[in-house]
Amino acid sequence: MRYRVLVVLEKTNRNYSAYTPDIPGCIATGKTIEATLDNMREALRTHLHAMAEDGDPMPEIATIDAQFLDIQVEQATRVAC
């Protein structure tokens, strides 16, 4: 069975981390983006294989797209009391 899942990458102080909103609890880390994605692929394979072996229902992939949005937020002016 093939899955196409959205993987969210985040930069931390020392490395990168990854997770997918469609498969809670499956995460990975790595020193580089490439290493993190490789680790996430392996984590997903292991996680889904274990679910299948345990007879758990396979997750339904709900994410269909992801976008970055640019939002302008005006600086608030503080008024002294």
PDB file of N, CA and C in Angstrom:
ATOM      1  N   MET A   1       0.839  -1.167   0.000  1.00  0.00           N
ATOM      2  CA  MET A   1       0.000   0.000   0.000  1.00  0.00           C
ATOM      3  C   MET A   1       0.895   1.246   0.000  1.00  0.00           C
ATOM      4  N   ARG A   2       0.542   2.224  -0.811  1.00  0.00           N
ATOM      5  CA  ARG A   2       1.311   3.466  -0.887  1.00  0.00           C
ATOM      6  C   ARG A   2       0.548   4.591  -0.210  1.00  0.00           C
ATOM      7  N   TYR A   3       1.289   5.434   0.486  1.00  0.00           N
ATOM      8  CA  TYR A   3       0.728   6.618   1.135  1.00  0.00           C
ATOM      9  C   TYR A   3       1.451   7.852   0.624  1.00  0.00           C
ATOM     10  N   ARG A   4       0.714   8.896   0.457  1.00  0.00           N
ATOM     11  CA  ARG A   4       1.297  10.212   0.173  1.00  0.00           C
ATOM     12  C   ARG A   4       0.848  11.117   1.305  1.00  0.00           C
ATOM     13  N   VAL A   5       1.790  11.526   2.144  1.00  0.00           N
ATOM     14  CA  VAL A   5       1.436  12.287   3.340  1.00  0.00           C
ATOM     15  C   VAL A   5       2.205  13.606   3.382  1.00  0.00           C
ATOM     16  N   LEU A   6       1.574  14.590   3.988  1.00  0.00           N
ATOM     17  CA  LEU A   6       2.228  15.867   4.239  1.00  0.00           C
ATOM     18  C   LEU A   6       3.143  15.702   5.443  1.00  0.00           C
ATOM     19  N   VAL A   7       4.388  16.121   5.297  1.00  0.00           N
ATOM     20  CA  VAL A   7       5.337  16.100   6.404  1.00  0.00           C
ATOM     21  C   VAL A   7       5.703  17.546   6.710  1.00  0.00           C
ATOM     22  N   VAL A   8       5.542  17.928   7.954  1.00  0.00           N
ATOM     23  CA  VAL A   8       5.877  19.274   8.407  1.00  0.00           C
ATOM     24  C   VAL A   8       7.276  19.236   9.011  1.00  0.00           C
ATOM     25  N   LEU A   9       8.136  20.109   8.521  1.00  0.00           N
ATOM     26  CA  LEU A   9       9.509  20.216   9.031  1.00  0.00           C
ATOM     27  C   LEU A   9       9.617  21.479   9.875  1.00  0.00           C
ATOM     28  N   GLU A  10      10.299  21.359  11.001  1.00  0.00           N
ATOM     29  CA  GLU A  10      10.531  22.499  11.875  1.00  0.00           C
ATOM     30  C   GLU A  10      12.005  22.564  12.243  1.00  0.00           C
ATOM     31  N   LYS A  11      12.535  23.774  12.317  1.00  0.00           N
ATOM     32  CA  LYS A  11      13.920  23.989  12.741  1.00  0.00           C
ATOM     33  C   LYS A  11      13.924  24.166  14.250  1.00  0.00           C
ATOM     34  N   THR A  12      14.779  23.424  14.926  1.00  0.00           N
ATOM     35  CA  THR A  12      14.945  23.581  16.374  1.00  0.00           C
ATOM     36  C   THR A  12      16.313  24.218  16.626  1.00  0.00           C
ATOM     37  N   ASN A  13      16.676  24.365  17.878  1.00  0.00           N
ATOM     38  CA  ASN A  13      17.979  24.974  18.196  1.00  0.00           C
ATOM     39  C   ASN A  13      19.155  24.174  17.658  1.00  0.00           C
ATOM     40  N   ARG A  14      19.042  22.846  17.667  1.00  0.00           N
ATOM     41  CA  ARG A  14      20.187  22.002  17.303  1.00  0.00           C
ATOM     42  C   ARG A  14      19.993  21.165  16.051  1.00  0.00           C
ATOM     43  N   ASN A  15      18.735  20.956  15.629  1.00  0.00           N
ATOM     44  CA  ASN A  15      18.507  20.074  14.490  1.00  0.00           C
ATOM     45  C   ASN A  15      17.167  20.407  13.848  1.00  0.00           C
ATOM     46  N   TYR A  16      16.594  19.433  13.174  1.00  0.00           N
ATOM     47  CA  TYR A  16      15.283  19.565  12.550  1.00  0.00           C
ATOM     48  C   TYR A  16      14.370  18.481  13.104  1.00  0.00           C
ATOM     49  N   SER A  17      13.091  18.747  13.090  1.00  0.00           N
ATOM     50  CA  SER A  17      12.116  17.729  13.482  1.00  0.00           C
ATOM     51  C   SER A  17      11.035  17.679  12.422  1.00  0.00           C
ATOM     52  N   ALA A  18      10.338  16.551  12.377  1.00  0.00           N
ATOM     53  CA  ALA A  18       9.288  16.352  11.376  1.00  0.00           C
ATOM     54  C   ALA A  18       8.131  15.582  11.998  1.00  0.00           C
ATOM     55  N   TYR A  19       6.940  15.891  11.505  1.00  0.00           N
ATOM     56  CA  TYR A  19       5.748  15.141  11.887  1.00  0.00           C
ATOM     57  C   TYR A  19       4.744  15.241  10.753  1.00  0.00           C
ATOM     58  N   THR A  20       3.723  14.398  10.790  1.00  0.00           N
ATOM     59  CA  THR A  20       2.645  14.467   9.820  1.00  0.00           C
ATOM     60  C   THR A  20       1.326  14.597  10.571  1.00  0.00           C
ATOM     61  N   PRO A  21       0.498  15.592  10.206  1.00  0.00           N
ATOM     62  CA  PRO A  21      -0.773  15.768  10.910  1.00  0.00           C
ATOM     63  C   PRO A  21      -1.735  14.594  10.710  1.00  0.00           C
ATOM     64  N   ASP A  22      -1.545  13.819   9.660  1.00  0.00           N
ATOM     65  CA  ASP A  22      -2.467  12.721   9.367  1.00  0.00           C
ATOM     66  C   ASP A  22      -2.148  11.427  10.108  1.00  0.00           C
ATOM     67  N   ILE A  23      -0.961  11.331  10.687  1.00  0.00           N
ATOM     68  CA  ILE A  23      -0.582  10.121  11.417  1.00  0.00           C
ATOM     69  C   ILE A  23       0.016  10.555  12.758  1.00  0.00           C
ATOM     70  N   PRO A  24      -0.844  10.864  13.727  1.00  0.00           N
ATOM     71  CA  PRO A  24      -0.369  11.370  15.021  1.00  0.00           C
ATOM     72  C   PRO A  24       0.589  10.390  15.697  1.00  0.00           C
ATOM     73  N   GLY A  25       1.591  10.958  16.357  1.00  0.00           N
ATOM     74  CA  GLY A  25       2.530  10.142  17.119  1.00  0.00           C
ATOM     75  C   GLY A  25       3.729   9.675  16.340  1.00  0.00           C
ATOM     76  N   CYS A  26       3.752   9.918  15.047  1.00  0.00           N
ATOM     77  CA  CYS A  26       4.884   9.495  14.222  1.00  0.00           C
ATOM     78  C   CYS A  26       5.749  10.729  13.959  1.00  0.00           C
ATOM     79  N   ILE A  27       6.937  10.752  14.551  1.00  0.00           N
ATOM     80  CA  ILE A  27       7.829  11.900  14.436  1.00  0.00           C
ATOM     81  C   ILE A  27       9.241  11.435  14.136  1.00  0.00           C
ATOM     82  N   ALA A  28      10.086  12.378  13.713  1.00  0.00           N
ATOM     83  CA  ALA A  28      11.494  12.067  13.458  1.00  0.00           C
ATOM     84  C   ALA A  28      12.313  13.338  13.623  1.00  0.00           C
ATOM     85  N   THR A  29      13.607  13.159  13.822  1.00  0.00           N
ATOM     86  CA  THR A  29      14.533  14.278  13.905  1.00  0.00           C
ATOM     87  C   THR A  29      15.767  13.963  13.070  1.00  0.00           C
ATOM     88  N   GLY A  30      16.573  14.985  12.823  1.00  0.00           N
ATOM     89  CA  GLY A  30      17.818  14.792  12.099  1.00  0.00           C
ATOM     90  C   GLY A  30      18.661  16.049  12.113  1.00  0.00           C
ATOM     91  N   LYS A  31      19.932  15.902  11.805  1.00  0.00           N
ATOM     92  CA  LYS A  31      20.861  17.037  11.779  1.00  0.00           C
ATOM     93  C   LYS A  31      20.641  17.928  10.560  1.00  0.00           C
ATOM     94  N   THR A  32      20.144  17.348   9.453  1.00  0.00           N
ATOM     95  CA  THR A  32      19.870  18.107   8.235  1.00  0.00           C
ATOM     96  C   THR A  32      18.431  17.828   7.805  1.00  0.00           C
ATOM     97  N   ILE A  33      17.939  18.643   6.876  1.00  0.00           N
ATOM     98  CA  ILE A  33      16.592  18.405   6.350  1.00  0.00           C
ATOM     99  C   ILE A  33      16.530  17.039   5.679  1.00  0.00           C
ATOM    100  N   GLU A  34      17.546  16.724   4.878  1.00  0.00           N
ATOM    101  CA  GLU A  34      17.557  15.445   4.169  1.00  0.00           C
ATOM    102  C   GLU A  34      17.557  14.270   5.135  1.00  0.00           C
ATOM    103  N   ALA A  35      18.386  14.350   6.176  1.00  0.00           N
ATOM    104  CA  ALA A  35      18.441  13.272   7.170  1.00  0.00           C
ATOM    105  C   ALA A  35      17.112  13.154   7.901  1.00  0.00           C
ATOM    106  N   THR A  36      16.495  14.285   8.199  1.00  0.00           N
ATOM    107  CA  THR A  36      15.204  14.267   8.889  1.00  0.00           C
ATOM    108  C   THR A  36      14.136  13.611   8.026  1.00  0.00           C
ATOM    109  N   LEU A  37      14.118  13.935   6.735  1.00  0.00           N
ATOM    110  CA  LEU A  37      13.141  13.308   5.833  1.00  0.00           C
ATOM    111  C   LEU A  37      13.406  11.813   5.687  1.00  0.00           C
ATOM    112  N   ASP A  38      14.668  11.406   5.594  1.00  0.00           N
ATOM    113  CA  ASP A  38      14.995   9.972   5.542  1.00  0.00           C
ATOM    114  C   ASP A  38      14.511   9.272   6.806  1.00  0.00           C
ATOM    115  N   ASN A  39      14.771   9.887   7.956  1.00  0.00           N
ATOM    116  CA  ASN A  39      14.334   9.310   9.228  1.00  0.00           C
ATOM    117  C   ASN A  39      12.809   9.252   9.315  1.00  0.00           C
ATOM    118  N   MET A  40      12.139  10.255   8.764  1.00  0.00           N
ATOM    119  CA  MET A  40      10.675  10.271   8.786  1.00  0.00           C
ATOM    120  C   MET A  40      10.106   9.174   7.892  1.00  0.00           C
ATOM    121  N   ARG A  41      10.706   8.960   6.734  1.00  0.00           N
ATOM    122  CA  ARG A  41      10.258   7.862   5.865  1.00  0.00           C
ATOM    123  C   ARG A  41      10.340   6.526   6.607  1.00  0.00           C
ATOM    124  N   GLU A  42      11.455   6.304   7.279  1.00  0.00           N
ATOM    125  CA  GLU A  42      11.629   5.054   8.018  1.00  0.00           C
ATOM    126  C   GLU A  42      10.655   4.970   9.189  1.00  0.00           C
ATOM    127  N   ALA A  43      10.450   6.079   9.895  1.00  0.00           N
ATOM    128  CA  ALA A  43       9.496   6.095  11.010  1.00  0.00           C
ATOM    129  C   ALA A  43       8.080   5.786  10.515  1.00  0.00           C
ATOM    130  N   LEU A  44       7.707   6.368   9.375  1.00  0.00           N
ATOM    131  CA  LEU A  44       6.372   6.110   8.821  1.00  0.00           C
ATOM    132  C   LEU A  44       6.221   4.649   8.403  1.00  0.00           C
ATOM    133  N   ARG A  45       7.238   4.112   7.730  1.00  0.00           N
ATOM    134  CA  ARG A  45       7.190   2.694   7.330  1.00  0.00           C
ATOM    135  C   ARG A  45       7.012   1.796   8.553  1.00  0.00           C
ATOM    136  N   THR A  46       7.807   2.037   9.580  1.00  0.00           N
ATOM    137  CA  THR A  46       7.746   1.231  10.801  1.00  0.00           C
ATOM    138  C   THR A  46       6.400   1.387  11.491  1.00  0.00           C
ATOM    139  N   HIS A  47       5.932   2.618  11.613  1.00  0.00           N
ATOM    140  CA  HIS A  47       4.663   2.911  12.289  1.00  0.00           C
ATOM    141  C   HIS A  47       3.492   2.232  11.569  1.00  0.00           C
ATOM    142  N   LEU A  48       3.421   2.411  10.252  1.00  0.00           N
ATOM    143  CA  LEU A  48       2.306   1.830   9.479  1.00  0.00           C
ATOM    144  C   LEU A  48       2.378   0.306   9.442  1.00  0.00           C
ATOM    145  N   HIS A  49       3.590  -0.241   9.356  1.00  0.00           N
ATOM    146  CA  HIS A  49       3.747  -1.697   9.382  1.00  0.00           C
ATOM    147  C   HIS A  49       3.257  -2.264  10.714  1.00  0.00           C
ATOM    148  N   ALA A  50       3.616  -1.608  11.817  1.00  0.00           N
ATOM    149  CA  ALA A  50       3.175  -2.064  13.141  1.00  0.00           C
ATOM    150  C   ALA A  50       1.653  -1.987  13.263  1.00  0.00           C
ATOM    151  N   MET A  51       1.060  -0.919  12.718  1.00  0.00           N
ATOM    152  CA  MET A  51      -0.401  -0.809  12.751  1.00  0.00           C
ATOM    153  C   MET A  51      -1.047  -1.968  11.979  1.00  0.00           C
ATOM    154  N   ALA A  52      -0.498  -2.270  10.804  1.00  0.00           N
ATOM    155  CA  ALA A  52      -1.035  -3.362   9.992  1.00  0.00           C
ATOM    156  C   ALA A  52      -0.890  -4.699  10.716  1.00  0.00           C
ATOM    157  N   GLU A  53       0.272  -4.947  11.322  1.00  0.00           N
ATOM    158  CA  GLU A  53       0.487  -6.198  12.051  1.00  0.00           C
ATOM    159  C   GLU A  53      -0.465  -6.347  13.234  1.00  0.00           C
ATOM    160  N   ASP A  54      -0.773  -5.224  13.890  1.00  0.00           N
ATOM    161  CA  ASP A  54      -1.669  -5.242  15.047  1.00  0.00           C
ATOM    162  C   ASP A  54      -3.138  -5.275  14.652  1.00  0.00           C
ATOM    163  N   GLY A  55      -3.408  -5.177  13.350  1.00  0.00           N
ATOM    164  CA  GLY A  55      -4.793  -5.192  12.885  1.00  0.00           C
ATOM    165  C   GLY A  55      -5.515  -3.869  13.074  1.00  0.00           C
ATOM    166  N   ASP A  56      -4.759  -2.815  13.352  1.00  0.00           N
ATOM    167  CA  ASP A  56      -5.358  -1.491  13.502  1.00  0.00           C
ATOM    168  C   ASP A  56      -5.793  -0.963  12.137  1.00  0.00           C
ATOM    169  N   PRO A  57      -6.848  -0.160  12.106  1.00  0.00           N
ATOM    170  CA  PRO A  57      -7.243   0.422  10.821  1.00  0.00           C
ATOM    171  C   PRO A  57      -6.180   1.400  10.332  1.00  0.00           C
ATOM    172  N   MET A  58      -5.928   1.384   9.047  1.00  0.00           N
ATOM    173  CA  MET A  58      -4.954   2.298   8.468  1.00  0.00           C
ATOM    174  C   MET A  58      -5.516   3.718   8.486  1.00  0.00           C
ATOM    175  N   PRO A  59      -4.667   4.695   8.770  1.00  0.00           N
ATOM    176  CA  PRO A  59      -5.154   6.072   8.847  1.00  0.00           C
ATOM    177  C   PRO A  59      -5.638   6.576   7.495  1.00  0.00           C
ATOM    178  N   GLU A  60      -6.678   7.399   7.539  1.00  0.00           N
ATOM    179  CA  GLU A  60      -7.145   8.059   6.329  1.00  0.00           C
ATOM    180  C   GLU A  60      -6.391   9.369   6.193  1.00  0.00           C
ATOM    181  N   ILE A  61      -5.877   9.619   5.027  1.00  0.00           N
ATOM    182  CA  ILE A  61      -5.121  10.838   4.786  1.00  0.00           C
ATOM    183  C   ILE A  61      -6.113  11.946   4.423  1.00  0.00           C
ATOM    184  N   ALA A  62      -6.193  12.953   5.298  1.00  0.00           N
ATOM    185  CA  ALA A  62      -7.151  14.037   5.108  1.00  0.00           C
ATOM    186  C   ALA A  62      -6.514  15.277   4.495  1.00  0.00           C
ATOM    187  N   THR A  63      -5.215  15.452   4.670  1.00  0.00           N
ATOM    188  CA  THR A  63      -4.544  16.637   4.146  1.00  0.00           C
ATOM    189  C   THR A  63      -4.434  16.539   2.637  1.00  0.00           C
ATOM    190  N   ILE A  64      -4.923  17.560   1.958  1.00  0.00           N
ATOM    191  CA  ILE A  64      -4.866  17.549   0.491  1.00  0.00           C
ATOM    192  C   ILE A  64      -3.903  18.590  -0.060  1.00  0.00           C
ATOM    193  N   ASP A  65      -3.534  19.578   0.761  1.00  0.00           N
ATOM    194  CA  ASP A  65      -2.631  20.622   0.291  1.00  0.00           C
ATOM    195  C   ASP A  65      -2.111  21.391   1.501  1.00  0.00           C
ATOM    196  N   ALA A  66      -1.026  22.095   1.301  1.00  0.00           N
ATOM    197  CA  ALA A  66      -0.484  22.970   2.338  1.00  0.00           C
ATOM    198  C   ALA A  66       0.036  24.218   1.653  1.00  0.00           C
ATOM    199  N   GLN A  67      -0.156  25.334   2.280  1.00  0.00           N
ATOM    200  CA  GLN A  67       0.272  26.613   1.718  1.00  0.00           C
ATOM    201  C   GLN A  67       0.898  27.465   2.806  1.00  0.00           C
ATOM    202  N   PHE A  68       1.869  28.249   2.441  1.00  0.00           N
ATOM    203  CA  PHE A  68       2.351  29.303   3.319  1.00  0.00           C
ATOM    204  C   PHE A  68       1.537  30.548   3.015  1.00  0.00           C
ATOM    205  N   LEU A  69       1.100  31.245   4.049  1.00  0.00           N
ATOM    206  CA  LEU A  69       0.377  32.495   3.880  1.00  0.00           C
ATOM    207  C   LEU A  69       1.219  33.636   4.417  1.00  0.00           C
ATOM    208  N   ASP A  70       1.351  34.713   3.648  1.00  0.00           N
ATOM    209  CA  ASP A  70       2.015  35.923   4.115  1.00  0.00           C
ATOM    210  C   ASP A  70       0.948  36.837   4.698  1.00  0.00           C
ATOM    211  N   ILE A  71       1.124  37.222   5.949  1.00  0.00           N
ATOM    212  CA  ILE A  71       0.142  38.045   6.643  1.00  0.00           C
ATOM    213  C   ILE A  71       0.849  39.260   7.225  1.00  0.00           C
ATOM    214  N   GLN A  72       0.323  40.435   6.936  1.00  0.00           N
ATOM    215  CA  GLN A  72       0.856  41.676   7.484  1.00  0.00           C
ATOM    216  C   GLN A  72       0.118  41.984   8.785  1.00  0.00           C
ATOM    217  N   VAL A  73       0.857  42.128   9.868  1.00  0.00           N
ATOM    218  CA  VAL A  73       0.266  42.471  11.162  1.00  0.00           C
ATOM    219  C   VAL A  73       0.839  43.817  11.583  1.00  0.00           C
ATOM    220  N   GLU A  74      -0.042  44.768  11.805  1.00  0.00           N
ATOM    221  CA  GLU A  74       0.394  46.108  12.205  1.00  0.00           C
ATOM    222  C   GLU A  74       0.902  46.080  13.636  1.00  0.00           C
ATOM    223  N   GLN A  75       1.937  46.853  13.872  1.00  0.00           N
ATOM    224  CA  GLN A  75       2.509  46.966  15.203  1.00  0.00           C
ATOM    225  C   GLN A  75       1.505  47.677  16.118  1.00  0.00           C
ATOM    226  N   ALA A  76       1.247  47.099  17.269  1.00  0.00           N
ATOM    227  CA  ALA A  76       0.331  47.708  18.231  1.00  0.00           C
ATOM    228  C   ALA A  76       1.009  48.875  18.933  1.00  0.00           C
ATOM    229  N   THR A  77       0.256  49.895  19.191  1.00  0.00           N
ATOM    230  CA  THR A  77       0.769  51.055  19.929  1.00  0.00           C
ATOM    231  C   THR A  77       0.302  50.956  21.365  1.00  0.00           C
ATOM    232  N   ARG A  78       1.239  50.971  22.291  1.00  0.00           N
ATOM    233  CA  ARG A  78       0.880  50.884  23.718  1.00  0.00           C
ATOM    234  C   ARG A  78       0.640  52.295  24.255  1.00  0.00           C
ATOM    235  N   VAL A  79      -0.398  52.388  25.021  1.00  0.00           N
ATOM    236  CA  VAL A  79      -0.736  53.653  25.658  1.00  0.00           C
ATOM    237  C   VAL A  79      -0.462  53.520  27.146  1.00  0.00           C
ATOM    238  N   ALA A  80       0.336  54.437  27.676  1.00  0.00           N
ATOM    239  CA  ALA A  80       0.638  54.412  29.109  1.00  0.00           C
ATOM    240  C   ALA A  80      -0.581  54.869  29.905  1.00  0.00           C
ATOM    241  N   CYS A  81      -0.832  54.212  31.015  1.00  0.00           N
ATOM    242  CA  CYS A  81      -1.972  54.577  31.861  1.00  0.00           C
ATOM    243  C   CYS A  81      -1.569  55.515  32.968  1.00  0.00           C
TER     244      CYS A  81
END
